[in-house]
Structures are given as structure tokens and as C-alpha cells.
């Protein structure tokens, strides 16, 4: 079953008097983009975390936040101002302001968190941190699968509705084709003041018009795309990009059907088809 691109997972564990907590958030994105917020002492684990996440994340903006807290309640050690670094940056901003008359803020040069150092270094094993990451990732995937099921149900329902509309279009076009000969005859006779006309010429011209208005190929291709969409939604592989491509093709065929028809009923059906296709396209933006 398809999975949603958005989700949230969290987990925590206490190891040796230190509690490590991990939160993972996933948002829509065309590509795979990781963002880590790690305590300084855990920055060396970023590559291993990245590798674990790539095993189950194919697209999306993934934010991973890790925090450490000791048994006495201090988070990531008690923060302390790094006075030496602060004063060096402050001297630099003052110099720029004085020499160039340019008001430069300290935050334009650096992240204020870089001015904080921990008085206390907590001890936590890499395996413990990665284990919590795996648990949070499992929760994230569980949530994405649940939302994916909801999206799949909605998409299947809309495709079934489009199938019914497409069948009505086929029937209407077929009916119009059968009546075309008589309508064409009536128009010609009216223009010629009921004078006799060449029957073979009417038949030939009506056949040409019927061929131009025939949408059999477009309907067949649409039905094929619908079936592929169903298969993608029911499958386990990432389907978002493929769904977007198929929906573009569906809209292309629907537009062609509309351009070939002058019947108001068919045009109204075309509008209904496009509305459903656009709604599915919106859903597909949130699918892995």
C-alpha cells in the first residue's frame, strides 16, 4: 500500500542516567532532504543516522531532533556563555560598524547557539542513540502507512468515479456519431432550400466529421492509465512520481476529448473528469 510523505515519530530511552529523545518529522518535498538538530557531542553520528533514514525514506524533508537530559534535569549539560567567542565576534561587528558605518548584528554572523557551551558532558553510547532513532523511525513509518491507506481509499474512489464518467462519454459520443448523418443531411438541405443532394457525398462528409470527433483512442488510453493508477496505489513501491506522470497523461487525454467534442453534455463530463483528476493530483503530491 502507498505511504504518505508526511508523518511524525518520537522515542526516548534512559541509559546510565541520561535520557536520549529523538523526534522525526517528515514533510512534502520533491526530493530527499535531511536536516539534523543534534547536541554537539552527537554530531559524529550524523552520517550513520543519514544512512538509516535513507533505507526507508525516498522523498520528503526529514527533520531529526535529538536531545539529551541527565537525571538531575539538565538538558544537554548546563549551558554556559562562551565569553571569549562572544567578545571576539562582538569586536568584529563593532569594527565593521565603526569603519564602514554598517549596522551588522551578531546574529548575521553566527547562530547564537554557537555561543553556548556545556559545563557538563553526558555519557551516552552510540548504540543507544541509534536504537532510539530506529524506534522513532518505526513510528514515523507506521503513521505514514496509516495516512497512505486513507489516501489510497480516496484515490481508488475517485478513479472508480472517473471510470463511470468515461463510460458515459463513450456512450454519448457513439450516440452522436450515429445521429451525425441525419443532422448533417438536415443542415445541407436547409442551406440548399430542400433541393436534392448527393447521398454519397453526405455519407462521406458525415464519415469524415465522425472520424474527427471519434475519441475511442483517448478513452482507451484513459482507461489504461486508470488501471495503472489502481495498481500503483495497491503496490508497495514508491508511487508519487509515477502517479504524477500518469495524471498528466490522463489530463492530456481528457483535454483532447473535450477539444474534439461540440456536445455540451460531453463537455460537462470532461469538466467532471478534470476536477477528479486535479483532486487526485493534489493527493499525489503527498505520496512517497
C-alpha atoms as a PDB file:
ATOM      1  CA  UNK A   1       0.000   0.000   0.000  1.00  0.00           C
ATOM      2  CA  UNK A   2       1.197   3.525  -0.734  1.00  0.00           C
ATOM      3  CA  UNK A   3       2.634   5.680   2.046  1.00  0.00           C
ATOM      4  CA  UNK A   4       2.138   9.331   2.837  1.00  0.00           C
ATOM      5  CA  UNK A   5       5.152  11.636   2.671  1.00  0.00           C
ATOM      6  CA  UNK A   6       4.210  13.394   5.913  1.00  0.00           C
ATOM      7  CA  UNK A   7       4.456  11.891   9.360  1.00  0.00           C
ATOM      8  CA  UNK A   8       5.876  12.118  12.861  1.00  0.00           C
ATOM      9  CA  UNK A   9       7.684   9.682  15.112  1.00  0.00           C
ATOM     10  CA  UNK A  10       9.281  10.013  18.538  1.00  0.00           C
ATOM     11  CA  UNK A  11      11.030   7.757  21.026  1.00  0.00           C
ATOM     12  CA  UNK A  12      13.239   8.028  24.083  1.00  0.00           C
ATOM     13  CA  UNK A  13      15.277   5.808  26.396  1.00  0.00           C
ATOM     14  CA  UNK A  14      17.280   6.291  29.580  1.00  0.00           C
ATOM     15  CA  UNK A  15      20.782   4.865  29.618  1.00  0.00           C
ATOM     16  CA  UNK A  16      23.188   5.366  32.540  1.00  0.00           C
ATOM     17  CA  UNK A  17      21.184   8.245  33.999  1.00  0.00           C
ATOM     18  CA  UNK A  18      20.935  10.025  30.647  1.00  0.00           C
ATOM     19  CA  UNK A  19      17.696  10.218  28.663  1.00  0.00           C
ATOM     20  CA  UNK A  20      18.054  10.491  24.908  1.00  0.00           C
ATOM     21  CA  UNK A  21      14.988  11.592  22.948  1.00  0.00           C
ATOM     22  CA  UNK A  22      14.526  11.590  19.190  1.00  0.00           C
ATOM     23  CA  UNK A  23      11.792  13.275  17.142  1.00  0.00           C
ATOM     24  CA  UNK A  24      11.474  12.774  13.378  1.00  0.00           C
ATOM     25  CA  UNK A  25       9.187  14.902  11.224  1.00  0.00           C
ATOM     26  CA  UNK A  26       8.597  14.370   7.523  1.00  0.00           C
ATOM     27  CA  UNK A  27       7.087  16.994   5.212  1.00  0.00           C
ATOM     28  CA  UNK A  28       6.359  17.168   1.497  1.00  0.00           C
ATOM     29  CA  UNK A  29       9.320  17.779  -0.781  1.00  0.00           C
ATOM     30  CA  UNK A  30      10.163  16.853  -4.372  1.00  0.00           C
ATOM     31  CA  UNK A  31      13.488  15.424  -3.290  1.00  0.00           C
ATOM     32  CA  UNK A  32      15.020  13.817  -0.205  1.00  0.00           C
ATOM     33  CA  UNK A  33      16.298  16.464   2.198  1.00  0.00           C
ATOM     34  CA  UNK A  34      17.644  15.699   5.700  1.00  0.00           C
ATOM     35  CA  UNK A  35      18.009  18.260   8.463  1.00  0.00           C
ATOM     36  CA  UNK A  36      19.596  17.298  11.773  1.00  0.00           C
ATOM     37  CA  UNK A  37      19.463  19.097  15.113  1.00  0.00           C
ATOM     38  CA  UNK A  38      21.979  17.286  17.269  1.00  0.00           C
ATOM     39  CA  UNK A  39      23.828  18.041  20.502  1.00  0.00           C
ATOM     40  CA  UNK A  40      27.432  18.856  19.689  1.00  0.00           C
ATOM     41  CA  UNK A  41      28.725  15.598  21.147  1.00  0.00           C
ATOM     42  CA  UNK A  42      26.462  13.570  18.820  1.00  0.00           C
ATOM     43  CA  UNK A  43      27.298  15.351  15.570  1.00  0.00           C
ATOM     44  CA  UNK A  44      29.649  12.497  14.673  1.00  0.00           C
ATOM     45  CA  UNK A  45      26.611  10.195  14.363  1.00  0.00           C
ATOM     46  CA  UNK A  46      25.009  12.215  11.586  1.00  0.00           C
ATOM     47  CA  UNK A  47      26.342  10.002   8.782  1.00  0.00           C
ATOM     48  CA  UNK A  48      25.074   6.814  10.437  1.00  0.00           C
ATOM     49  CA  UNK A  49      21.683   8.426  11.065  1.00  0.00           C
ATOM     50  CA  UNK A  50      21.567   9.591   7.465  1.00  0.00           C
ATOM     51  CA  UNK A  51      22.264   6.038   6.259  1.00  0.00           C
ATOM     52  CA  UNK A  52      19.491   4.563   8.430  1.00  0.00           C
ATOM     53  CA  UNK A  53      16.945   7.117   7.256  1.00  0.00           C
ATOM     54  CA  UNK A  54      17.724   6.556   3.579  1.00  0.00           C
ATOM     55  CA  UNK A  55      16.713   2.908   3.915  1.00  0.00           C
ATOM     56  CA  UNK A  56      13.064   3.865   4.387  1.00  0.00           C
ATOM     57  CA  UNK A  57      12.784   7.486   3.193  1.00  0.00           C
ATOM     58  CA  UNK A  58      12.677   8.070  -0.554  1.00  0.00           C
ATOM     59  CA  UNK A  59      11.370  11.643  -0.687  1.00  0.00           C
ATOM     60  CA  UNK A  60      10.446  14.409   1.702  1.00  0.00           C
ATOM     61  CA  UNK A  61      12.042  16.960   4.013  1.00  0.00           C
ATOM     62  CA  UNK A  62      13.085  14.919   7.048  1.00  0.00           C
ATOM     63  CA  UNK A  63      13.934  16.787  10.258  1.00  0.00           C
ATOM     64  CA  UNK A  64      15.623  14.839  13.049  1.00  0.00           C
ATOM     65  CA  UNK A  65      15.885  16.456  16.501  1.00  0.00           C
ATOM     66  CA  UNK A  66      17.898  14.708  19.238  1.00  0.00           C
ATOM     67  CA  UNK A  67      18.116  15.903  22.842  1.00  0.00           C
ATOM     68  CA  UNK A  68      19.967  14.651  25.908  1.00  0.00           C
ATOM     69  CA  UNK A  69      18.844  15.103  29.502  1.00  0.00           C
ATOM     70  CA  UNK A  70      20.566  13.998  32.698  1.00  0.00           C
ATOM     71  CA  UNK A  71      18.802  12.614  35.732  1.00  0.00           C
ATOM     72  CA  UNK A  72      19.056  15.967  37.533  1.00  0.00           C
ATOM     73  CA  UNK A  73      17.075  17.603  34.755  1.00  0.00           C
ATOM     74  CA  UNK A  74      19.824  19.467  32.913  1.00  0.00           C
ATOM     75  CA  UNK A  75      19.341  19.171  29.162  1.00  0.00           C
ATOM     76  CA  UNK A  76      22.482  18.535  27.165  1.00  0.00           C
ATOM     77  CA  UNK A  77      24.516  19.845  30.082  1.00  0.00           C
ATOM     78  CA  UNK A  78      24.001  23.210  31.777  1.00  0.00           C
ATOM     79  CA  UNK A  79      24.508  25.900  29.125  1.00  0.00           C
ATOM     80  CA  UNK A  80      27.242  28.463  29.687  1.00  0.00           C
ATOM     81  CA  UNK A  81      28.163  31.527  27.658  1.00  0.00           C
ATOM     82  CA  UNK A  82      31.404  31.203  25.712  1.00  0.00           C
ATOM     83  CA  UNK A  83      32.640  34.677  26.627  1.00  0.00           C
ATOM     84  CA  UNK A  84      35.822  34.538  24.577  1.00  0.00           C
ATOM     85  CA  UNK A  85      33.965  33.698  21.379  1.00  0.00           C
ATOM     86  CA  UNK A  86      31.217  36.218  22.117  1.00  0.00           C
ATOM     87  CA  UNK A  87      33.703  39.046  22.679  1.00  0.00           C
ATOM     88  CA  UNK A  88      35.675  38.225  19.522  1.00  0.00           C
ATOM     89  CA  UNK A  89      32.525  38.369  17.384  1.00  0.00           C
ATOM     90  CA  UNK A  90      31.333  41.487  19.188  1.00  0.00           C
ATOM     91  CA  UNK A  91      34.653  43.215  18.486  1.00  0.00           C
ATOM     92  CA  UNK A  92      34.306  42.264  14.815  1.00  0.00           C
ATOM     93  CA  UNK A  93      30.776  43.679  14.456  1.00  0.00           C
ATOM     94  CA  UNK A  94      31.813  46.876  16.272  1.00  0.00           C
ATOM     95  CA  UNK A  95      34.774  47.288  13.922  1.00  0.00           C
ATOM     96  CA  UNK A  96      32.609  46.848  10.822  1.00  0.00           C
ATOM     97  CA  UNK A  97      30.068  49.310  12.182  1.00  0.00           C
ATOM     98  CA  UNK A  98      32.731  51.853  13.054  1.00  0.00           C
ATOM     99  CA  UNK A  99      34.790  51.661   9.850  1.00  0.00           C
ATOM    100  CA  UNK A 100      32.021  51.167   7.291  1.00  0.00           C
ATOM    101  CA  UNK A 101      29.001  52.755   9.008  1.00  0.00           C
ATOM    102  CA  UNK A 102      27.187  49.492   8.527  1.00  0.00           C
ATOM    103  CA  UNK A 103      24.940  48.185  11.293  1.00  0.00           C
ATOM    104  CA  UNK A 104      25.785  44.482  11.428  1.00  0.00           C
ATOM    105  CA  UNK A 105      24.093  42.305  14.010  1.00  0.00           C
ATOM    106  CA  UNK A 106      25.890  39.493  15.775  1.00  0.00           C
ATOM    107  CA  UNK A 107      23.209  37.048  14.617  1.00  0.00           C
ATOM    108  CA  UNK A 108      24.071  37.915  10.996  1.00  0.00           C
ATOM    109  CA  UNK A 109      27.439  36.263  11.507  1.00  0.00           C
ATOM    110  CA  UNK A 110      26.610  33.236  13.615  1.00  0.00           C
ATOM    111  CA  UNK A 111      23.997  31.125  15.319  1.00  0.00           C
ATOM    112  CA  UNK A 112      23.565  32.224  18.931  1.00  0.00           C
ATOM    113  CA  UNK A 113      23.606  28.575  19.993  1.00  0.00           C
ATOM    114  CA  UNK A 114      27.261  28.520  18.988  1.00  0.00           C
ATOM    115  CA  UNK A 115      27.938  30.897  21.860  1.00  0.00           C
ATOM    116  CA  UNK A 116      26.741  28.333  24.401  1.00  0.00           C
ATOM    117  CA  UNK A 117      28.936  25.586  25.757  1.00  0.00           C
ATOM    118  CA  UNK A 118      28.015  22.797  28.106  1.00  0.00           C
ATOM    119  CA  UNK A 119      29.505  22.687  31.563  1.00  0.00           C
ATOM    120  CA  UNK A 120      28.629  19.041  31.763  1.00  0.00           C
ATOM    121  CA  UNK A 121      29.480  16.302  29.277  1.00  0.00           C
ATOM    122  CA  UNK A 122      26.957  13.479  29.417  1.00  0.00           C
ATOM    123  CA  UNK A 123      27.888   9.910  28.595  1.00  0.00           C
ATOM    124  CA  UNK A 124      25.645   8.028  26.184  1.00  0.00           C
ATOM    125  CA  UNK A 125      26.532   5.143  23.893  1.00  0.00           C
ATOM    126  CA  UNK A 126      26.181   5.493  20.135  1.00  0.00           C
ATOM    127  CA  UNK A 127      24.193   2.255  20.012  1.00  0.00           C
ATOM    128  CA  UNK A 128      21.642   3.651  22.476  1.00  0.00           C
ATOM    129  CA  UNK A 129      21.147   6.786  20.384  1.00  0.00           C
ATOM    130  CA  UNK A 130      20.800   4.844  17.131  1.00  0.00           C
ATOM    131  CA  UNK A 131      18.367   2.430  18.762  1.00  0.00           C
ATOM    132  CA  UNK A 132      16.116   5.335  19.775  1.00  0.00           C
ATOM    133  CA  UNK A 133      16.398   6.707  16.248  1.00  0.00           C
ATOM    134  CA  UNK A 134      15.225   3.347  14.863  1.00  0.00           C
ATOM    135  CA  UNK A 135      12.221   3.331  17.218  1.00  0.00           C
ATOM    136  CA  UNK A 136      11.244   6.870  16.210  1.00  0.00           C
ATOM    137  CA  UNK A 137      11.664   5.930  12.556  1.00  0.00           C
ATOM    138  CA  UNK A 138       9.353   2.938  13.033  1.00  0.00           C
ATOM    139  CA  UNK A 139       6.676   5.246  14.462  1.00  0.00           C
ATOM    140  CA  UNK A 140       7.146   7.631  11.547  1.00  0.00           C
ATOM    141  CA  UNK A 141       6.693   4.818   9.022  1.00  0.00           C
ATOM    142  CA  UNK A 142       3.648   3.490  10.866  1.00  0.00           C
ATOM    143  CA  UNK A 143       1.989   6.892  10.688  1.00  0.00           C
ATOM    144  CA  UNK A 144       2.875   7.324   7.021  1.00  0.00           C
ATOM    145  CA  UNK A 145       1.444   3.900   6.180  1.00  0.00           C
ATOM    146  CA  UNK A 146      -1.792   4.716   8.017  1.00  0.00           C
ATOM    147  CA  UNK A 147      -2.190   8.025   6.172  1.00  0.00           C
ATOM    148  CA  UNK A 148      -1.227   6.274   2.941  1.00  0.00           C
ATOM    149  CA  UNK A 149      -4.125   3.873   3.400  1.00  0.00           C
ATOM    150  CA  UNK A 150      -6.514   6.812   3.709  1.00  0.00           C
ATOM    151  CA  UNK A 151      -5.082   8.402   0.564  1.00  0.00           C
ATOM    152  CA  UNK A 152      -5.330   5.099  -1.312  1.00  0.00           C
ATOM    153  CA  UNK A 153      -9.013   4.713  -0.439  1.00  0.00           C
ATOM    154  CA  UNK A 154      -9.759   8.235  -1.631  1.00  0.00           C
ATOM    155  CA  UNK A 155      -7.840   7.820  -4.893  1.00  0.00           C
ATOM    156  CA  UNK A 156      -9.462   4.465  -5.666  1.00  0.00           C
ATOM    157  CA  UNK A 157     -12.878   6.030  -5.095  1.00  0.00           C
ATOM    158  CA  UNK A 158     -12.127   8.904  -7.460  1.00  0.00           C
ATOM    159  CA  UNK A 159     -10.728   6.619 -10.170  1.00  0.00           C
ATOM    160  CA  UNK A 160     -13.898   4.493  -9.973  1.00  0.00           C
ATOM    161  CA  UNK A 161     -15.961   7.664 -10.412  1.00  0.00           C
ATOM    162  CA  UNK A 162     -13.860   8.695 -13.418  1.00  0.00           C
ATOM    163  CA  UNK A 163     -14.355   5.264 -14.954  1.00  0.00           C
ATOM    164  CA  UNK A 164     -18.123   5.716 -14.803  1.00  0.00           C
ATOM    165  CA  UNK A 165     -17.927   9.207 -16.297  1.00  0.00           C
ATOM    166  CA  UNK A 166     -15.666   7.962 -19.089  1.00  0.00           C
ATOM    167  CA  UNK A 167     -18.195   5.245 -19.939  1.00  0.00           C
ATOM    168  CA  UNK A 168     -20.898   7.912 -20.227  1.00  0.00           C
ATOM    169  CA  UNK A 169     -18.633   9.856 -22.593  1.00  0.00           C
ATOM    170  CA  UNK A 170     -18.179   6.736 -24.767  1.00  0.00           C
ATOM    171  CA  UNK A 171     -21.918   6.167 -24.940  1.00  0.00           C
ATOM    172  CA  UNK A 172     -22.663   9.804 -25.703  1.00  0.00           C
ATOM    173  CA  UNK A 173     -20.043  10.031 -28.467  1.00  0.00           C
ATOM    174  CA  UNK A 174     -21.279   6.791 -30.020  1.00  0.00           C
ATOM    175  CA  UNK A 175     -24.846   8.086 -29.983  1.00  0.00           C
ATOM    176  CA  UNK A 176     -23.779  11.385 -31.531  1.00  0.00           C
ATOM    177  CA  UNK A 177     -21.882   9.541 -34.257  1.00  0.00           C
ATOM    178  CA  UNK A 178     -24.974   7.556 -35.250  1.00  0.00           C
ATOM    179  CA  UNK A 179     -27.072  10.719 -35.443  1.00  0.00           C
ATOM    180  CA  UNK A 180     -24.448  12.714 -37.313  1.00  0.00           C
ATOM    181  CA  UNK A 181     -25.532  11.587 -40.787  1.00  0.00           C
ATOM    182  CA  UNK A 182     -29.110  12.750 -40.267  1.00  0.00           C
ATOM    183  CA  UNK A 183     -28.092  16.054 -38.675  1.00  0.00           C
ATOM    184  CA  UNK A 184     -25.654  16.759 -41.482  1.00  0.00           C
ATOM    185  CA  UNK A 185     -28.347  15.984 -44.099  1.00  0.00           C
ATOM    186  CA  UNK A 186     -30.810  18.363 -42.420  1.00  0.00           C
ATOM    187  CA  UNK A 187     -28.279  21.202 -42.356  1.00  0.00           C
ATOM    188  CA  UNK A 188     -27.319  20.706 -46.019  1.00  0.00           C
ATOM    189  CA  UNK A 189     -30.938  20.570 -47.148  1.00  0.00           C
ATOM    190  CA  UNK A 190     -31.734  23.723 -45.167  1.00  0.00           C
ATOM    191  CA  UNK A 191     -28.850  25.546 -46.810  1.00  0.00           C
ATOM    192  CA  UNK A 192     -29.942  24.342 -50.278  1.00  0.00           C
ATOM    193  CA  UNK A 193     -33.620  25.141 -49.681  1.00  0.00           C
ATOM    194  CA  UNK A 194     -34.597  21.454 -49.605  1.00  0.00           C
ATOM    195  CA  UNK A 195     -33.070  20.761 -53.022  1.00  0.00           C
ATOM    196  CA  UNK A 196     -31.943  17.234 -53.708  1.00  0.00           C
ATOM    197  CA  UNK A 197     -28.406  16.425 -52.551  1.00  0.00           C
ATOM    198  CA  UNK A 198     -25.912  13.737 -53.379  1.00  0.00           C
ATOM    199  CA  UNK A 199     -26.475  10.907 -50.884  1.00  0.00           C
ATOM    200  CA  UNK A 200     -22.968   9.530 -51.270  1.00  0.00           C
ATOM    201  CA  UNK A 201     -21.473  12.970 -50.624  1.00  0.00           C
ATOM    202  CA  UNK A 202     -23.492  13.349 -47.418  1.00  0.00           C
ATOM    203  CA  UNK A 203     -22.371   9.917 -46.256  1.00  0.00           C
ATOM    204  CA  UNK A 204     -18.734  10.700 -46.999  1.00  0.00           C
ATOM    205  CA  UNK A 205     -18.771  14.092 -45.292  1.00  0.00           C
ATOM    206  CA  UNK A 206     -20.584  12.685 -42.264  1.00  0.00           C
ATOM    207  CA  UNK A 207     -17.999   9.905 -42.033  1.00  0.00           C
ATOM    208  CA  UNK A 208     -15.159  12.473 -42.083  1.00  0.00           C
ATOM    209  CA  UNK A 209     -16.803  14.501 -39.312  1.00  0.00           C
ATOM    210  CA  UNK A 210     -17.460  11.378 -37.273  1.00  0.00           C
ATOM    211  CA  UNK A 211     -13.813  10.357 -37.565  1.00  0.00           C
ATOM    212  CA  UNK A 212     -12.645  13.787 -36.408  1.00  0.00           C
ATOM    213  CA  UNK A 213     -14.962  13.598 -33.395  1.00  0.00           C
ATOM    214  CA  UNK A 214     -14.053   9.998 -32.534  1.00  0.00           C
ATOM    215  CA  UNK A 215     -12.454   9.730 -29.087  1.00  0.00           C
ATOM    216  CA  UNK A 216     -12.147   5.957 -28.898  1.00  0.00           C
ATOM    217  CA  UNK A 217      -8.347   6.040 -28.690  1.00  0.00           C
ATOM    218  CA  UNK A 218      -8.393   8.704 -25.978  1.00  0.00           C
ATOM    219  CA  UNK A 219     -10.919   6.743 -23.932  1.00  0.00           C
ATOM    220  CA  UNK A 220      -8.885   3.545 -24.260  1.00  0.00           C
ATOM    221  CA  UNK A 221      -5.717   5.305 -23.122  1.00  0.00           C
ATOM    222  CA  UNK A 222      -7.550   6.910 -20.204  1.00  0.00           C
ATOM    223  CA  UNK A 223      -8.877   3.516 -19.097  1.00  0.00           C
ATOM    224  CA  UNK A 224      -5.351   2.099 -19.305  1.00  0.00           C
ATOM    225  CA  UNK A 225      -3.997   4.945 -17.162  1.00  0.00           C
ATOM    226  CA  UNK A 226      -6.764   4.370 -14.614  1.00  0.00           C
ATOM    227  CA  UNK A 227      -5.740   0.734 -14.304  1.00  0.00           C
ATOM    228  CA  UNK A 228      -2.093   1.683 -13.830  1.00  0.00           C
ATOM    229  CA  UNK A 229      -3.088   4.157 -11.114  1.00  0.00           C
ATOM    230  CA  UNK A 230      -5.002   1.416  -9.299  1.00  0.00           C
ATOM    231  CA  UNK A 231      -2.004  -0.900  -9.462  1.00  0.00           C
ATOM    232  CA  UNK A 232       0.358   1.790  -8.168  1.00  0.00           C
ATOM    233  CA  UNK A 233      -1.933   2.640  -5.265  1.00  0.00           C
ATOM    234  CA  UNK A 234      -2.217  -1.013  -4.278  1.00  0.00           C
ATOM    235  CA  UNK A 235       1.527  -1.685  -4.594  1.00  0.00           C
ATOM    236  CA  UNK A 236       4.271  -1.289  -2.009  1.00  0.00           C
ATOM    237  CA  UNK A 237       6.780   0.627  -4.120  1.00  0.00           C
ATOM    238  CA  UNK A 238       7.153   4.441  -4.015  1.00  0.00           C
ATOM    239  CA  UNK A 239       4.429   5.709  -6.335  1.00  0.00           C
ATOM    240  CA  UNK A 240       4.290   9.511  -6.050  1.00  0.00           C
ATOM    241  CA  UNK A 241       6.394  10.440  -9.085  1.00  0.00           C
ATOM    242  CA  UNK A 242       4.813   7.778 -11.296  1.00  0.00           C
ATOM    243  CA  UNK A 243       1.328   8.879 -10.225  1.00  0.00           C
ATOM    244  CA  UNK A 244       2.094  12.476 -11.160  1.00  0.00           C
ATOM    245  CA  UNK A 245       3.245  11.387 -14.607  1.00  0.00           C
ATOM    246  CA  UNK A 246       0.145   9.241 -15.209  1.00  0.00           C
ATOM    247  CA  UNK A 247      -2.167  12.025 -14.074  1.00  0.00           C
ATOM    248  CA  UNK A 248      -0.520  14.428 -16.516  1.00  0.00           C
ATOM    249  CA  UNK A 249      -1.249  11.922 -19.284  1.00  0.00           C
ATOM    250  CA  UNK A 250      -4.828  11.496 -18.086  1.00  0.00           C
ATOM    251  CA  UNK A 251      -5.407  15.267 -18.190  1.00  0.00           C
ATOM    252  CA  UNK A 252      -3.867  15.380 -21.674  1.00  0.00           C
ATOM    253  CA  UNK A 253      -6.320  12.735 -22.966  1.00  0.00           C
ATOM    254  CA  UNK A 254      -9.254  14.439 -21.245  1.00  0.00           C
ATOM    255  CA  UNK A 255      -8.370  17.771 -22.885  1.00  0.00           C
ATOM    256  CA  UNK A 256      -8.233  16.065 -26.285  1.00  0.00           C
ATOM    257  CA  UNK A 257     -11.673  14.540 -25.731  1.00  0.00           C
ATOM    258  CA  UNK A 258     -13.023  17.997 -24.887  1.00  0.00           C
ATOM    259  CA  UNK A 259     -11.434  19.617 -27.934  1.00  0.00           C
ATOM    260  CA  UNK A 260     -12.932  17.008 -30.272  1.00  0.00           C
ATOM    261  CA  UNK A 261     -16.472  17.324 -28.994  1.00  0.00           C
ATOM    262  CA  UNK A 262     -19.019  20.065 -29.555  1.00  0.00           C
ATOM    263  CA  UNK A 263     -21.682  18.309 -27.498  1.00  0.00           C
ATOM    264  CA  UNK A 264     -22.458  20.207 -24.279  1.00  0.00           C
ATOM    265  CA  UNK A 265     -23.112  17.000 -22.338  1.00  0.00           C
ATOM    266  CA  UNK A 266     -19.715  15.577 -23.285  1.00  0.00           C
ATOM    267  CA  UNK A 267     -18.014  18.863 -22.376  1.00  0.00           C
ATOM    268  CA  UNK A 268     -19.690  18.793 -18.970  1.00  0.00           C
ATOM    269  CA  UNK A 269     -18.425  15.238 -18.454  1.00  0.00           C
ATOM    270  CA  UNK A 270     -14.941  16.416 -19.448  1.00  0.00           C
ATOM    271  CA  UNK A 271     -15.114  19.120 -16.761  1.00  0.00           C
ATOM    272  CA  UNK A 272     -16.084  16.479 -14.182  1.00  0.00           C
ATOM    273  CA  UNK A 273     -13.176  14.269 -15.257  1.00  0.00           C
ATOM    274  CA  UNK A 274     -10.702  17.137 -14.959  1.00  0.00           C
ATOM    275  CA  UNK A 275     -11.978  18.043 -11.498  1.00  0.00           C
ATOM    276  CA  UNK A 276     -11.432  14.495 -10.243  1.00  0.00           C
ATOM    277  CA  UNK A 277      -8.011  14.288 -11.906  1.00  0.00           C
ATOM    278  CA  UNK A 278      -6.915  17.538 -10.229  1.00  0.00           C
ATOM    279  CA  UNK A 279      -8.062  16.267  -6.838  1.00  0.00           C
ATOM    280  CA  UNK A 280      -6.019  13.094  -7.306  1.00  0.00           C
ATOM    281  CA  UNK A 281      -3.020  15.200  -8.361  1.00  0.00           C
ATOM    282  CA  UNK A 282      -3.283  17.097  -5.083  1.00  0.00           C
ATOM    283  CA  UNK A 283      -3.288  13.810  -3.176  1.00  0.00           C
ATOM    284  CA  UNK A 284      -0.339  12.511  -5.183  1.00  0.00           C
ATOM    285  CA  UNK A 285       1.790  15.429  -4.002  1.00  0.00           C
ATOM    286  CA  UNK A 286       1.711  13.843  -0.538  1.00  0.00           C
ATOM    287  CA  UNK A 287       2.641  10.322  -1.633  1.00  0.00           C
ATOM    288  CA  UNK A 288       6.098   8.802  -1.485  1.00  0.00           C
END
